[in-house]
Amino acid sequence: VIRTQERGKRRVVPDVDEKRGRNAVIHECLHAYDHIVGLSAQEKFQDTRKSELSALSQYEKQAEREDSDAKGFDRGASETFAITGERLYGGDAKVKAERPGLCAYLEETIEKKSKKA
């Protein structure tokens, strides 16, 4: 499901910004993939994310939500996964330099999972 918002008398995909990212279709597909496979919860991803924390936006650094039905769900890690992936697969030339470990993790892990399918 792609989030839309009202603009004038039309429904549109939100503009690009740091919080919502650059490509809503890739972003939301990666959230769905992560929800099914659980990549952002894996120890290797968590360790890589911590080592590159300074490259992340405040939105990606948010904590687990106490009011969430999914206790233990790390919203910041999920957003890091989706935003890094949307930048990587959306053609952002800077992301590999800014987040080399996270990009390598996504490329290696998603490619490996895709070959098994």
C-alpha atoms as a PDB file:
ATOM      1  CA  VAL A   1       0.000   0.000   0.000  1.00  0.00           C
ATOM      2  CA  ILE A   2       1.464   3.332  -1.035  1.00  0.00           C
ATOM      3  CA  ARG A   3       0.699   6.300   1.175  1.00  0.00           C
ATOM      4  CA  THR A   4      -0.908   9.249  -0.550  1.00  0.00           C
ATOM      5  CA  GLN A   5      -1.997  12.666   0.566  1.00  0.00           C
ATOM      6  CA  GLU A   6      -4.491  15.236  -0.586  1.00  0.00           C
ATOM      7  CA  ARG A   7      -3.104  18.104  -2.650  1.00  0.00           C
ATOM      8  CA  GLY A   8      -5.677  20.448  -4.020  1.00  0.00           C
ATOM      9  CA  LYS A   9      -8.413  18.152  -5.262  1.00  0.00           C
ATOM     10  CA  ARG A  10      -6.103  15.265  -6.113  1.00  0.00           C
ATOM     11  CA  ARG A  11      -4.498  12.320  -4.253  1.00  0.00           C
ATOM     12  CA  VAL A  12      -0.740  12.257  -4.831  1.00  0.00           C
ATOM     13  CA  VAL A  13       2.319  10.382  -3.577  1.00  0.00           C
ATOM     14  CA  PRO A  14       4.043  12.749  -1.108  1.00  0.00           C
ATOM     15  CA  ASP A  15       6.985  14.860  -2.209  1.00  0.00           C
ATOM     16  CA  VAL A  16      10.541  13.841  -1.525  1.00  0.00           C
ATOM     17  CA  ASP A  17      11.847  14.790   1.882  1.00  0.00           C
ATOM     18  CA  GLU A  18      14.175  13.338   4.500  1.00  0.00           C
ATOM     19  CA  LYS A  19      11.364  11.767   6.509  1.00  0.00           C
ATOM     20  CA  ARG A  20       9.472  10.138   3.675  1.00  0.00           C
ATOM     21  CA  GLY A  21      12.391   9.345   1.403  1.00  0.00           C
ATOM     22  CA  ARG A  22      12.892   9.515  -2.307  1.00  0.00           C
ATOM     23  CA  ASN A  23      10.861   6.730  -3.858  1.00  0.00           C
ATOM     24  CA  ALA A  24       7.693   5.706  -2.030  1.00  0.00           C
ATOM     25  CA  VAL A  25       7.111   2.588  -4.141  1.00  0.00           C
ATOM     26  CA  ILE A  26      10.565   1.118  -3.441  1.00  0.00           C
ATOM     27  CA  HIS A  27      10.387   2.277   0.188  1.00  0.00           C
ATOM     28  CA  GLU A  28       7.051   0.601   0.943  1.00  0.00           C
ATOM     29  CA  CYS A  29       7.981  -2.569  -0.944  1.00  0.00           C
ATOM     30  CA  LEU A  30      11.119  -2.834   1.171  1.00  0.00           C
ATOM     31  CA  HIS A  31       9.061  -2.372   4.347  1.00  0.00           C
ATOM     32  CA  ALA A  32       6.816  -5.244   3.230  1.00  0.00           C
ATOM     33  CA  TYR A  33       9.819  -7.421   2.355  1.00  0.00           C
ATOM     34  CA  ASP A  34      11.459  -6.635   5.685  1.00  0.00           C
ATOM     35  CA  HIS A  35       8.232  -7.380   7.548  1.00  0.00           C
ATOM     36  CA  ILE A  36       8.066 -10.842   5.950  1.00  0.00           C
ATOM     37  CA  VAL A  37      11.774 -11.745   6.104  1.00  0.00           C
ATOM     38  CA  GLY A  38      12.857  -9.749   9.158  1.00  0.00           C
ATOM     39  CA  LEU A  39      16.182  -8.502   7.810  1.00  0.00           C
ATOM     40  CA  SER A  40      16.284  -5.297   9.874  1.00  0.00           C
ATOM     41  CA  ALA A  41      16.005  -7.364  13.067  1.00  0.00           C
ATOM     42  CA  GLN A  42      19.001  -9.558  12.248  1.00  0.00           C
ATOM     43  CA  GLU A  43      22.112  -9.071  14.350  1.00  0.00           C
ATOM     44  CA  LYS A  44      24.388  -8.365  11.369  1.00  0.00           C
ATOM     45  CA  PHE A  45      22.085  -5.584  10.159  1.00  0.00           C
ATOM     46  CA  GLN A  46      21.775  -4.141  13.672  1.00  0.00           C
ATOM     47  CA  ASP A  47      25.574  -4.128  14.138  1.00  0.00           C
ATOM     48  CA  THR A  48      26.156  -2.538  10.731  1.00  0.00           C
ATOM     49  CA  ARG A  49      23.491   0.072  11.444  1.00  0.00           C
ATOM     50  CA  LYS A  50      25.133   0.969  14.764  1.00  0.00           C
ATOM     51  CA  SER A  51      28.514   1.379  13.061  1.00  0.00           C
ATOM     52  CA  GLU A  52      26.990   3.800  10.516  1.00  0.00           C
ATOM     53  CA  LEU A  53      24.596   5.584  12.870  1.00  0.00           C
ATOM     54  CA  SER A  54      26.177   8.980  12.192  1.00  0.00           C
ATOM     55  CA  ALA A  55      25.072   8.728   8.532  1.00  0.00           C
ATOM     56  CA  LEU A  56      21.404   8.248   9.450  1.00  0.00           C
ATOM     57  CA  SER A  57      18.670  10.866   9.709  1.00  0.00           C
ATOM     58  CA  GLN A  58      16.888  11.513  13.006  1.00  0.00           C
ATOM     59  CA  TYR A  59      13.876   9.708  11.556  1.00  0.00           C
ATOM     60  CA  GLU A  60      15.977   6.564  11.126  1.00  0.00           C
ATOM     61  CA  LYS A  61      17.248   6.829  14.701  1.00  0.00           C
ATOM     62  CA  GLN A  62      13.818   6.654  16.341  1.00  0.00           C
ATOM     63  CA  ALA A  63      13.349   4.103  19.102  1.00  0.00           C
ATOM     64  CA  GLU A  64      11.018   1.174  19.508  1.00  0.00           C
ATOM     65  CA  ARG A  65       7.439   2.357  19.975  1.00  0.00           C
ATOM     66  CA  GLU A  66       6.044   1.532  23.388  1.00  0.00           C
ATOM     67  CA  ASP A  67       2.466   1.862  22.147  1.00  0.00           C
ATOM     68  CA  SER A  68       2.991  -0.521  19.266  1.00  0.00           C
ATOM     69  CA  ASP A  69       1.120  -3.803  19.026  1.00  0.00           C
ATOM     70  CA  ALA A  70       4.387  -5.299  17.766  1.00  0.00           C
ATOM     71  CA  LYS A  71       6.479  -5.217  20.927  1.00  0.00           C
ATOM     72  CA  GLY A  72      10.157  -5.401  20.143  1.00  0.00           C
ATOM     73  CA  PHE A  73       9.647  -3.820  16.713  1.00  0.00           C
ATOM     74  CA  ASP A  74      12.536  -1.457  16.042  1.00  0.00           C
ATOM     75  CA  ARG A  75      11.002   1.312  13.940  1.00  0.00           C
ATOM     76  CA  GLY A  76      14.344   3.051  13.437  1.00  0.00           C
ATOM     77  CA  ALA A  77      15.970  -0.100  12.061  1.00  0.00           C
ATOM     78  CA  SER A  78      12.981  -0.702   9.787  1.00  0.00           C
ATOM     79  CA  GLU A  79      13.183   2.861   8.445  1.00  0.00           C
ATOM     80  CA  THR A  80      16.958   2.536   8.015  1.00  0.00           C
ATOM     81  CA  PHE A  81      16.398  -0.617   5.955  1.00  0.00           C
ATOM     82  CA  ALA A  82      13.711   0.971   3.769  1.00  0.00           C
ATOM     83  CA  ILE A  83      15.411   4.346   3.276  1.00  0.00           C
ATOM     84  CA  THR A  84      18.841   2.858   2.557  1.00  0.00           C
ATOM     85  CA  GLY A  85      17.263   0.427   0.105  1.00  0.00           C
ATOM     86  CA  GLU A  86      15.155   3.019  -1.661  1.00  0.00           C
ATOM     87  CA  ARG A  87      18.209   5.212  -2.102  1.00  0.00           C
ATOM     88  CA  LEU A  88      20.329   2.270  -3.278  1.00  0.00           C
ATOM     89  CA  TYR A  89      17.791   0.823  -5.714  1.00  0.00           C
ATOM     90  CA  GLY A  90      16.395   4.242  -6.640  1.00  0.00           C
ATOM     91  CA  GLY A  91      19.700   5.387  -8.117  1.00  0.00           C
ATOM     92  CA  ASP A  92      21.100   7.676  -5.392  1.00  0.00           C
ATOM     93  CA  ALA A  93      24.794   7.896  -6.302  1.00  0.00           C
ATOM     94  CA  LYS A  94      25.823   9.082  -2.801  1.00  0.00           C
ATOM     95  CA  VAL A  95      24.354   6.328  -0.649  1.00  0.00           C
ATOM     96  CA  LYS A  96      27.174   3.782  -1.106  1.00  0.00           C
ATOM     97  CA  ALA A  97      29.749   6.320   0.057  1.00  0.00           C
ATOM     98  CA  GLU A  98      27.600   7.430   3.010  1.00  0.00           C
ATOM     99  CA  ARG A  99      26.471   3.936   4.093  1.00  0.00           C
ATOM    100  CA  PRO A 100      28.885   1.393   2.624  1.00  0.00           C
ATOM    101  CA  GLY A 101      28.173  -1.368   5.132  1.00  0.00           C
ATOM    102  CA  LEU A 102      24.405  -1.050   4.987  1.00  0.00           C
ATOM    103  CA  CYS A 103      24.427  -1.013   1.180  1.00  0.00           C
ATOM    104  CA  ALA A 104      26.693  -4.061   1.056  1.00  0.00           C
ATOM    105  CA  TYR A 105      24.391  -5.848   3.515  1.00  0.00           C
ATOM    106  CA  LEU A 106      21.292  -5.095   1.459  1.00  0.00           C
ATOM    107  CA  GLU A 107      22.887  -6.088  -1.840  1.00  0.00           C
ATOM    108  CA  GLU A 108      24.307  -9.313  -0.446  1.00  0.00           C
ATOM    109  CA  THR A 109      21.242 -10.340   1.548  1.00  0.00           C
ATOM    110  CA  ILE A 110      18.482  -9.374  -0.884  1.00  0.00           C
ATOM    111  CA  GLU A 111      20.367 -10.918  -3.810  1.00  0.00           C
ATOM    112  CA  LYS A 112      20.909 -14.138  -1.845  1.00  0.00           C
ATOM    113  CA  LYS A 113      17.228 -14.327  -0.809  1.00  0.00           C
ATOM    114  CA  SER A 114      16.103 -13.578  -4.396  1.00  0.00           C
ATOM    115  CA  LYS A 115      18.168 -16.459  -5.802  1.00  0.00           C
ATOM    116  CA  LYS A 116      16.467 -18.886  -3.392  1.00  0.00           C
ATOM    117  CA  ALA A 117      12.988 -17.820  -4.531  1.00  0.00           C
END
